[in-house]
């Protein structure tokens, strides 16, 4: 049985451990191995702690916990970091589940909580970026009602361009306030990443189908 609550500073190390494990499990063969090998929980937690105390406006971090209160998943939501989508567009910056617990429904539990908080924050649309070659994550989001909207971008990892695709999802309850149709892709407005409140290379795509 899993529940979701707001993340606290005490959760930072656990969240960083899940994020690093998620990258090393999901991105083998997609992101250069040298980049993955250099990732450490300690470095991730150090950067995350600095940004956690100064979050962006309308940003929230959520953690999924098990019956023993252990952190088993993490999601981060806030305003869209591009410029073309409007103030009512939110972004799912990240969604990660402990790799050994994939298939237990934690990812969908977190996504449901993200929807509820997005509605409370008056977002009518959620946008998220997923690595193009991360097919399990793409299936997960497509099964949850997310639709690729045609926008794309690439980020550099150890000299290798890794491509991403953008997905769009209407926020239940607020979707009737959204503008008709998809926003025009703006592949340049989101790179380099805005580092206020979230780390470079956060993305929603470590989720896999069945989570």
C-alpha atoms as a PDB file:
ATOM      1  CA  UNK A   1       0.000   0.000   0.000  1.00  0.00           C
ATOM      2  CA  UNK A   2       1.454   3.322  -1.067  1.00  0.00           C
ATOM      3  CA  UNK A   3       0.532   6.899  -0.229  1.00  0.00           C
ATOM      4  CA  UNK A   4       1.739  10.297  -1.436  1.00  0.00           C
ATOM      5  CA  UNK A   5       2.762  13.304   0.636  1.00  0.00           C
ATOM      6  CA  UNK A   6       4.736  16.500   0.196  1.00  0.00           C
ATOM      7  CA  UNK A   7       8.486  16.002   0.132  1.00  0.00           C
ATOM      8  CA  UNK A   8      10.512  17.361   3.050  1.00  0.00           C
ATOM      9  CA  UNK A   9      14.184  18.213   3.330  1.00  0.00           C
ATOM     10  CA  UNK A  10      14.675  14.962   5.235  1.00  0.00           C
ATOM     11  CA  UNK A  11      13.674  13.054   2.065  1.00  0.00           C
ATOM     12  CA  UNK A  12      16.409  14.513  -0.132  1.00  0.00           C
ATOM     13  CA  UNK A  13      18.917  11.662   0.123  1.00  0.00           C
ATOM     14  CA  UNK A  14      16.217   9.045  -0.502  1.00  0.00           C
ATOM     15  CA  UNK A  15      14.928  10.977  -3.509  1.00  0.00           C
ATOM     16  CA  UNK A  16      18.439  11.372  -4.928  1.00  0.00           C
ATOM     17  CA  UNK A  17      19.045   7.635  -4.492  1.00  0.00           C
ATOM     18  CA  UNK A  18      15.862   6.865  -6.435  1.00  0.00           C
ATOM     19  CA  UNK A  19      16.709   9.370  -9.167  1.00  0.00           C
ATOM     20  CA  UNK A  20      20.273   8.080  -9.652  1.00  0.00           C
ATOM     21  CA  UNK A  21      19.128   4.452  -9.598  1.00  0.00           C
ATOM     22  CA  UNK A  22      16.366   5.328 -12.051  1.00  0.00           C
ATOM     23  CA  UNK A  23      18.784   6.891 -14.512  1.00  0.00           C
ATOM     24  CA  UNK A  24      21.222   3.995 -14.283  1.00  0.00           C
ATOM     25  CA  UNK A  25      18.432   1.473 -14.824  1.00  0.00           C
ATOM     26  CA  UNK A  26      16.391   3.246 -17.512  1.00  0.00           C
ATOM     27  CA  UNK A  27      18.953   5.080 -19.621  1.00  0.00           C
ATOM     28  CA  UNK A  28      21.555   2.409 -20.368  1.00  0.00           C
ATOM     29  CA  UNK A  29      22.174   2.532 -24.106  1.00  0.00           C
ATOM     30  CA  UNK A  30      20.412   5.900 -24.387  1.00  0.00           C
ATOM     31  CA  UNK A  31      22.624   8.247 -22.367  1.00  0.00           C
ATOM     32  CA  UNK A  32      26.419   7.748 -22.626  1.00  0.00           C
ATOM     33  CA  UNK A  33      27.627   5.243 -20.043  1.00  0.00           C
ATOM     34  CA  UNK A  34      30.347   7.664 -18.954  1.00  0.00           C
ATOM     35  CA  UNK A  35      27.664  10.125 -17.842  1.00  0.00           C
ATOM     36  CA  UNK A  36      25.732   7.461 -15.964  1.00  0.00           C
ATOM     37  CA  UNK A  37      28.891   6.144 -14.283  1.00  0.00           C
ATOM     38  CA  UNK A  38      29.707   9.623 -12.999  1.00  0.00           C
ATOM     39  CA  UNK A  39      26.315  10.072 -11.311  1.00  0.00           C
ATOM     40  CA  UNK A  40      26.415   9.732  -7.520  1.00  0.00           C
ATOM     41  CA  UNK A  41      23.751  10.026  -4.863  1.00  0.00           C
ATOM     42  CA  UNK A  42      25.978  12.360  -2.856  1.00  0.00           C
ATOM     43  CA  UNK A  43      26.444  14.875  -5.681  1.00  0.00           C
ATOM     44  CA  UNK A  44      22.777  14.764  -6.634  1.00  0.00           C
ATOM     45  CA  UNK A  45      21.682  15.302  -3.026  1.00  0.00           C
ATOM     46  CA  UNK A  46      24.077  18.210  -2.551  1.00  0.00           C
ATOM     47  CA  UNK A  47      22.652  20.074  -5.544  1.00  0.00           C
ATOM     48  CA  UNK A  48      19.074  19.126  -4.698  1.00  0.00           C
ATOM     49  CA  UNK A  49      19.414  20.410  -1.133  1.00  0.00           C
ATOM     50  CA  UNK A  50      20.603  23.799  -2.348  1.00  0.00           C
ATOM     51  CA  UNK A  51      17.573  24.179  -4.617  1.00  0.00           C
ATOM     52  CA  UNK A  52      15.027  22.636  -2.279  1.00  0.00           C
ATOM     53  CA  UNK A  53      15.250  25.541   0.143  1.00  0.00           C
ATOM     54  CA  UNK A  54      14.549  28.044  -2.652  1.00  0.00           C
ATOM     55  CA  UNK A  55      11.842  26.454  -4.813  1.00  0.00           C
ATOM     56  CA  UNK A  56      10.315  28.118  -7.819  1.00  0.00           C
ATOM     57  CA  UNK A  57       6.918  29.690  -7.373  1.00  0.00           C
ATOM     58  CA  UNK A  58       4.042  27.174  -7.779  1.00  0.00           C
ATOM     59  CA  UNK A  59       6.432  24.225  -7.646  1.00  0.00           C
ATOM     60  CA  UNK A  60       5.806  21.155  -5.520  1.00  0.00           C
ATOM     61  CA  UNK A  61       7.765  17.985  -4.800  1.00  0.00           C
ATOM     62  CA  UNK A  62       5.832  14.846  -3.897  1.00  0.00           C
ATOM     63  CA  UNK A  63       7.053  11.510  -2.580  1.00  0.00           C
ATOM     64  CA  UNK A  64       5.382   8.121  -2.557  1.00  0.00           C
ATOM     65  CA  UNK A  65       5.929   6.147   0.639  1.00  0.00           C
ATOM     66  CA  UNK A  66       5.231   2.554   1.568  1.00  0.00           C
ATOM     67  CA  UNK A  67       3.561   1.180   4.688  1.00  0.00           C
ATOM     68  CA  UNK A  68       6.844   1.616   6.583  1.00  0.00           C
ATOM     69  CA  UNK A  69       7.107   5.300   5.546  1.00  0.00           C
ATOM     70  CA  UNK A  70      10.071   4.539   3.268  1.00  0.00           C
ATOM     71  CA  UNK A  71      10.300   6.760   0.184  1.00  0.00           C
ATOM     72  CA  UNK A  72       9.749   4.668  -2.956  1.00  0.00           C
ATOM     73  CA  UNK A  73       8.988   7.303  -5.594  1.00  0.00           C
ATOM     74  CA  UNK A  74       9.199  11.007  -6.345  1.00  0.00           C
ATOM     75  CA  UNK A  75       7.513  13.513  -8.634  1.00  0.00           C
ATOM     76  CA  UNK A  76       8.108  17.215  -9.208  1.00  0.00           C
ATOM     77  CA  UNK A  77       5.598  19.629 -10.720  1.00  0.00           C
ATOM     78  CA  UNK A  78       5.661  23.328 -11.496  1.00  0.00           C
ATOM     79  CA  UNK A  79       5.159  25.968 -14.190  1.00  0.00           C
ATOM     80  CA  UNK A  80       6.202  25.057 -17.716  1.00  0.00           C
ATOM     81  CA  UNK A  81       9.768  26.241 -18.353  1.00  0.00           C
ATOM     82  CA  UNK A  82       9.185  27.207 -21.968  1.00  0.00           C
ATOM     83  CA  UNK A  83       7.735  30.508 -23.120  1.00  0.00           C
ATOM     84  CA  UNK A  84       5.068  29.535 -25.631  1.00  0.00           C
ATOM     85  CA  UNK A  85       2.543  27.593 -23.567  1.00  0.00           C
ATOM     86  CA  UNK A  86       1.070  30.330 -21.346  1.00  0.00           C
ATOM     87  CA  UNK A  87       0.734  30.734 -17.561  1.00  0.00           C
ATOM     88  CA  UNK A  88      -1.870  27.964 -17.212  1.00  0.00           C
ATOM     89  CA  UNK A  89       0.582  25.312 -18.464  1.00  0.00           C
ATOM     90  CA  UNK A  90       2.296  23.203 -15.842  1.00  0.00           C
ATOM     91  CA  UNK A  91       5.200  20.832 -16.325  1.00  0.00           C
ATOM     92  CA  UNK A  92       5.871  17.448 -14.824  1.00  0.00           C
ATOM     93  CA  UNK A  93       9.584  17.956 -14.301  1.00  0.00           C
ATOM     94  CA  UNK A  94      10.301  14.483 -12.996  1.00  0.00           C
ATOM     95  CA  UNK A  95       8.674  11.215 -12.008  1.00  0.00           C
ATOM     96  CA  UNK A  96      10.821   8.400 -10.662  1.00  0.00           C
ATOM     97  CA  UNK A  97      10.106   5.077  -8.967  1.00  0.00           C
ATOM     98  CA  UNK A  98      12.530   2.813  -7.158  1.00  0.00           C
ATOM     99  CA  UNK A  99      13.556   0.462 -10.006  1.00  0.00           C
ATOM    100  CA  UNK A 100      13.065  -2.693  -7.931  1.00  0.00           C
ATOM    101  CA  UNK A 101       9.406  -1.721  -7.355  1.00  0.00           C
ATOM    102  CA  UNK A 102       8.377  -1.042 -10.939  1.00  0.00           C
ATOM    103  CA  UNK A 103       5.073  -2.640 -11.738  1.00  0.00           C
ATOM    104  CA  UNK A 104       3.635  -2.004  -8.259  1.00  0.00           C
ATOM    105  CA  UNK A 105       1.476   0.957  -9.344  1.00  0.00           C
ATOM    106  CA  UNK A 106       3.625   3.640  -7.700  1.00  0.00           C
ATOM    107  CA  UNK A 107       4.071   5.672 -10.869  1.00  0.00           C
ATOM    108  CA  UNK A 108       0.338   5.879 -11.505  1.00  0.00           C
ATOM    109  CA  UNK A 109      -0.297   6.743  -7.846  1.00  0.00           C
ATOM    110  CA  UNK A 110       2.157   9.627  -8.147  1.00  0.00           C
ATOM    111  CA  UNK A 111       0.639  10.757 -11.437  1.00  0.00           C
ATOM    112  CA  UNK A 112      -2.832  10.866  -9.868  1.00  0.00           C
ATOM    113  CA  UNK A 113      -1.439  13.028  -7.058  1.00  0.00           C
ATOM    114  CA  UNK A 114       0.266  15.277  -9.613  1.00  0.00           C
ATOM    115  CA  UNK A 115      -3.103  15.784 -11.323  1.00  0.00           C
ATOM    116  CA  UNK A 116      -4.737  16.801  -8.058  1.00  0.00           C
ATOM    117  CA  UNK A 117      -2.003  19.299  -7.211  1.00  0.00           C
ATOM    118  CA  UNK A 118      -1.933  20.656 -10.769  1.00  0.00           C
ATOM    119  CA  UNK A 119      -5.647  21.418 -10.483  1.00  0.00           C
ATOM    120  CA  UNK A 120      -5.078  23.141  -7.132  1.00  0.00           C
ATOM    121  CA  UNK A 121      -2.345  25.253  -8.756  1.00  0.00           C
ATOM    122  CA  UNK A 122      -4.754  26.254 -11.571  1.00  0.00           C
ATOM    123  CA  UNK A 123      -2.813  24.501 -14.315  1.00  0.00           C
ATOM    124  CA  UNK A 124      -5.082  23.312 -17.119  1.00  0.00           C
ATOM    125  CA  UNK A 125      -2.389  21.454 -19.063  1.00  0.00           C
ATOM    126  CA  UNK A 126       0.632  19.390 -18.069  1.00  0.00           C
ATOM    127  CA  UNK A 127       3.626  19.170 -20.397  1.00  0.00           C
ATOM    128  CA  UNK A 128       6.523  16.779 -19.943  1.00  0.00           C
ATOM    129  CA  UNK A 129       9.661  15.761 -21.768  1.00  0.00           C
ATOM    130  CA  UNK A 130      10.678  12.138 -22.284  1.00  0.00           C
ATOM    131  CA  UNK A 131      13.816  10.799 -23.932  1.00  0.00           C
ATOM    132  CA  UNK A 132      12.812   9.721 -27.424  1.00  0.00           C
ATOM    133  CA  UNK A 133      14.359   6.266 -27.069  1.00  0.00           C
ATOM    134  CA  UNK A 134      12.890   5.597 -23.618  1.00  0.00           C
ATOM    135  CA  UNK A 135      10.048   3.501 -24.987  1.00  0.00           C
ATOM    136  CA  UNK A 136       8.803   2.073 -21.654  1.00  0.00           C
ATOM    137  CA  UNK A 137       8.325   5.579 -20.268  1.00  0.00           C
ATOM    138  CA  UNK A 138       6.579   6.715 -23.426  1.00  0.00           C
ATOM    139  CA  UNK A 139       4.167   3.787 -23.174  1.00  0.00           C
ATOM    140  CA  UNK A 140       3.488   4.605 -19.529  1.00  0.00           C
ATOM    141  CA  UNK A 141       2.529   8.192 -20.314  1.00  0.00           C
ATOM    142  CA  UNK A 142       0.555   7.284 -23.416  1.00  0.00           C
ATOM    143  CA  UNK A 143      -1.471   4.778 -21.391  1.00  0.00           C
ATOM    144  CA  UNK A 144      -2.127   7.591 -18.910  1.00  0.00           C
ATOM    145  CA  UNK A 145      -3.587   9.798 -21.641  1.00  0.00           C
ATOM    146  CA  UNK A 146      -0.538  11.861 -22.587  1.00  0.00           C
ATOM    147  CA  UNK A 147      -0.133  12.708 -26.266  1.00  0.00           C
ATOM    148  CA  UNK A 148       3.061  13.669 -28.097  1.00  0.00           C
ATOM    149  CA  UNK A 149       2.447  17.183 -29.424  1.00  0.00           C
ATOM    150  CA  UNK A 150       5.177  17.356 -32.063  1.00  0.00           C
ATOM    151  CA  UNK A 151       7.760  19.376 -30.113  1.00  0.00           C
ATOM    152  CA  UNK A 152      11.257  18.044 -29.713  1.00  0.00           C
ATOM    153  CA  UNK A 153      14.648  19.073 -28.386  1.00  0.00           C
ATOM    154  CA  UNK A 154      18.078  17.642 -27.673  1.00  0.00           C
ATOM    155  CA  UNK A 155      20.389  17.927 -24.702  1.00  0.00           C
ATOM    156  CA  UNK A 156      24.116  17.241 -24.571  1.00  0.00           C
ATOM    157  CA  UNK A 157      25.506  14.452 -22.400  1.00  0.00           C
ATOM    158  CA  UNK A 158      29.279  14.017 -22.568  1.00  0.00           C
ATOM    159  CA  UNK A 159      29.294  15.316 -26.121  1.00  0.00           C
ATOM    160  CA  UNK A 160      26.385  13.171 -27.325  1.00  0.00           C
ATOM    161  CA  UNK A 161      23.082  14.757 -28.370  1.00  0.00           C
ATOM    162  CA  UNK A 162      20.202  12.912 -26.691  1.00  0.00           C
ATOM    163  CA  UNK A 163      16.797  13.696 -28.146  1.00  0.00           C
ATOM    164  CA  UNK A 164      13.555  14.238 -26.290  1.00  0.00           C
ATOM    165  CA  UNK A 165       9.897  14.394 -27.261  1.00  0.00           C
ATOM    166  CA  UNK A 166       7.274  16.501 -25.521  1.00  0.00           C
ATOM    167  CA  UNK A 167       3.993  15.100 -24.248  1.00  0.00           C
ATOM    168  CA  UNK A 168       0.848  16.969 -23.293  1.00  0.00           C
ATOM    169  CA  UNK A 169      -1.909  15.977 -20.893  1.00  0.00           C
ATOM    170  CA  UNK A 170      -5.042  17.868 -19.909  1.00  0.00           C
ATOM    171  CA  UNK A 171      -5.495  18.322 -16.152  1.00  0.00           C
ATOM    172  CA  UNK A 172      -8.725  16.601 -15.074  1.00  0.00           C
ATOM    173  CA  UNK A 173     -11.241  19.179 -13.917  1.00  0.00           C
ATOM    174  CA  UNK A 174      -9.343  22.104 -15.418  1.00  0.00           C
ATOM    175  CA  UNK A 175      -9.143  20.946 -19.031  1.00  0.00           C
ATOM    176  CA  UNK A 176     -12.246  22.896 -20.031  1.00  0.00           C
ATOM    177  CA  UNK A 177     -10.322  26.122 -19.411  1.00  0.00           C
ATOM    178  CA  UNK A 178      -7.451  25.247 -21.742  1.00  0.00           C
ATOM    179  CA  UNK A 179      -6.971  26.827 -25.107  1.00  0.00           C
ATOM    180  CA  UNK A 180      -8.122  24.737 -28.071  1.00  0.00           C
ATOM    181  CA  UNK A 181      -5.467  22.796 -29.902  1.00  0.00           C
ATOM    182  CA  UNK A 182      -1.794  22.321 -29.063  1.00  0.00           C
ATOM    183  CA  UNK A 183       0.674  25.140 -28.689  1.00  0.00           C
ATOM    184  CA  UNK A 184       3.135  25.595 -31.519  1.00  0.00           C
ATOM    185  CA  UNK A 185       6.364  23.738 -30.799  1.00  0.00           C
ATOM    186  CA  UNK A 186       9.199  25.913 -29.561  1.00  0.00           C
ATOM    187  CA  UNK A 187      12.175  23.621 -29.529  1.00  0.00           C
ATOM    188  CA  UNK A 188      14.629  26.344 -28.565  1.00  0.00           C
ATOM    189  CA  UNK A 189      12.883  27.919 -25.599  1.00  0.00           C
ATOM    190  CA  UNK A 190      13.703  25.179 -23.116  1.00  0.00           C
ATOM    191  CA  UNK A 191      17.403  24.701 -23.732  1.00  0.00           C
ATOM    192  CA  UNK A 192      19.555  25.248 -21.825  1.00  0.00           C
ATOM    193  CA  UNK A 193      17.410  24.163 -18.902  1.00  0.00           C
ATOM    194  CA  UNK A 194      16.326  26.675 -16.285  1.00  0.00           C
ATOM    195  CA  UNK A 195      18.058  25.548 -13.110  1.00  0.00           C
ATOM    196  CA  UNK A 196      15.845  27.447 -10.655  1.00  0.00           C
ATOM    197  CA  UNK A 197      14.382  24.826  -8.347  1.00  0.00           C
ATOM    198  CA  UNK A 198      15.235  21.713 -10.335  1.00  0.00           C
ATOM    199  CA  UNK A 199      18.458  20.094 -11.388  1.00  0.00           C
ATOM    200  CA  UNK A 200      19.796  19.961 -14.903  1.00  0.00           C
ATOM    201  CA  UNK A 201      18.575  16.809 -16.603  1.00  0.00           C
ATOM    202  CA  UNK A 202      15.370  16.405 -14.606  1.00  0.00           C
ATOM    203  CA  UNK A 203      12.722  14.863 -16.767  1.00  0.00           C
ATOM    204  CA  UNK A 204       9.627  12.770 -16.358  1.00  0.00           C
ATOM    205  CA  UNK A 205      10.877   9.920 -18.454  1.00  0.00           C
ATOM    206  CA  UNK A 206      12.246   7.462 -15.904  1.00  0.00           C
ATOM    207  CA  UNK A 207       8.763   6.062 -15.430  1.00  0.00           C
ATOM    208  CA  UNK A 208       7.990   2.772 -17.112  1.00  0.00           C
ATOM    209  CA  UNK A 209       4.758   1.160 -18.148  1.00  0.00           C
ATOM    210  CA  UNK A 210       3.022  -0.686 -15.367  1.00  0.00           C
ATOM    211  CA  UNK A 211       4.346   1.538 -12.621  1.00  0.00           C
END
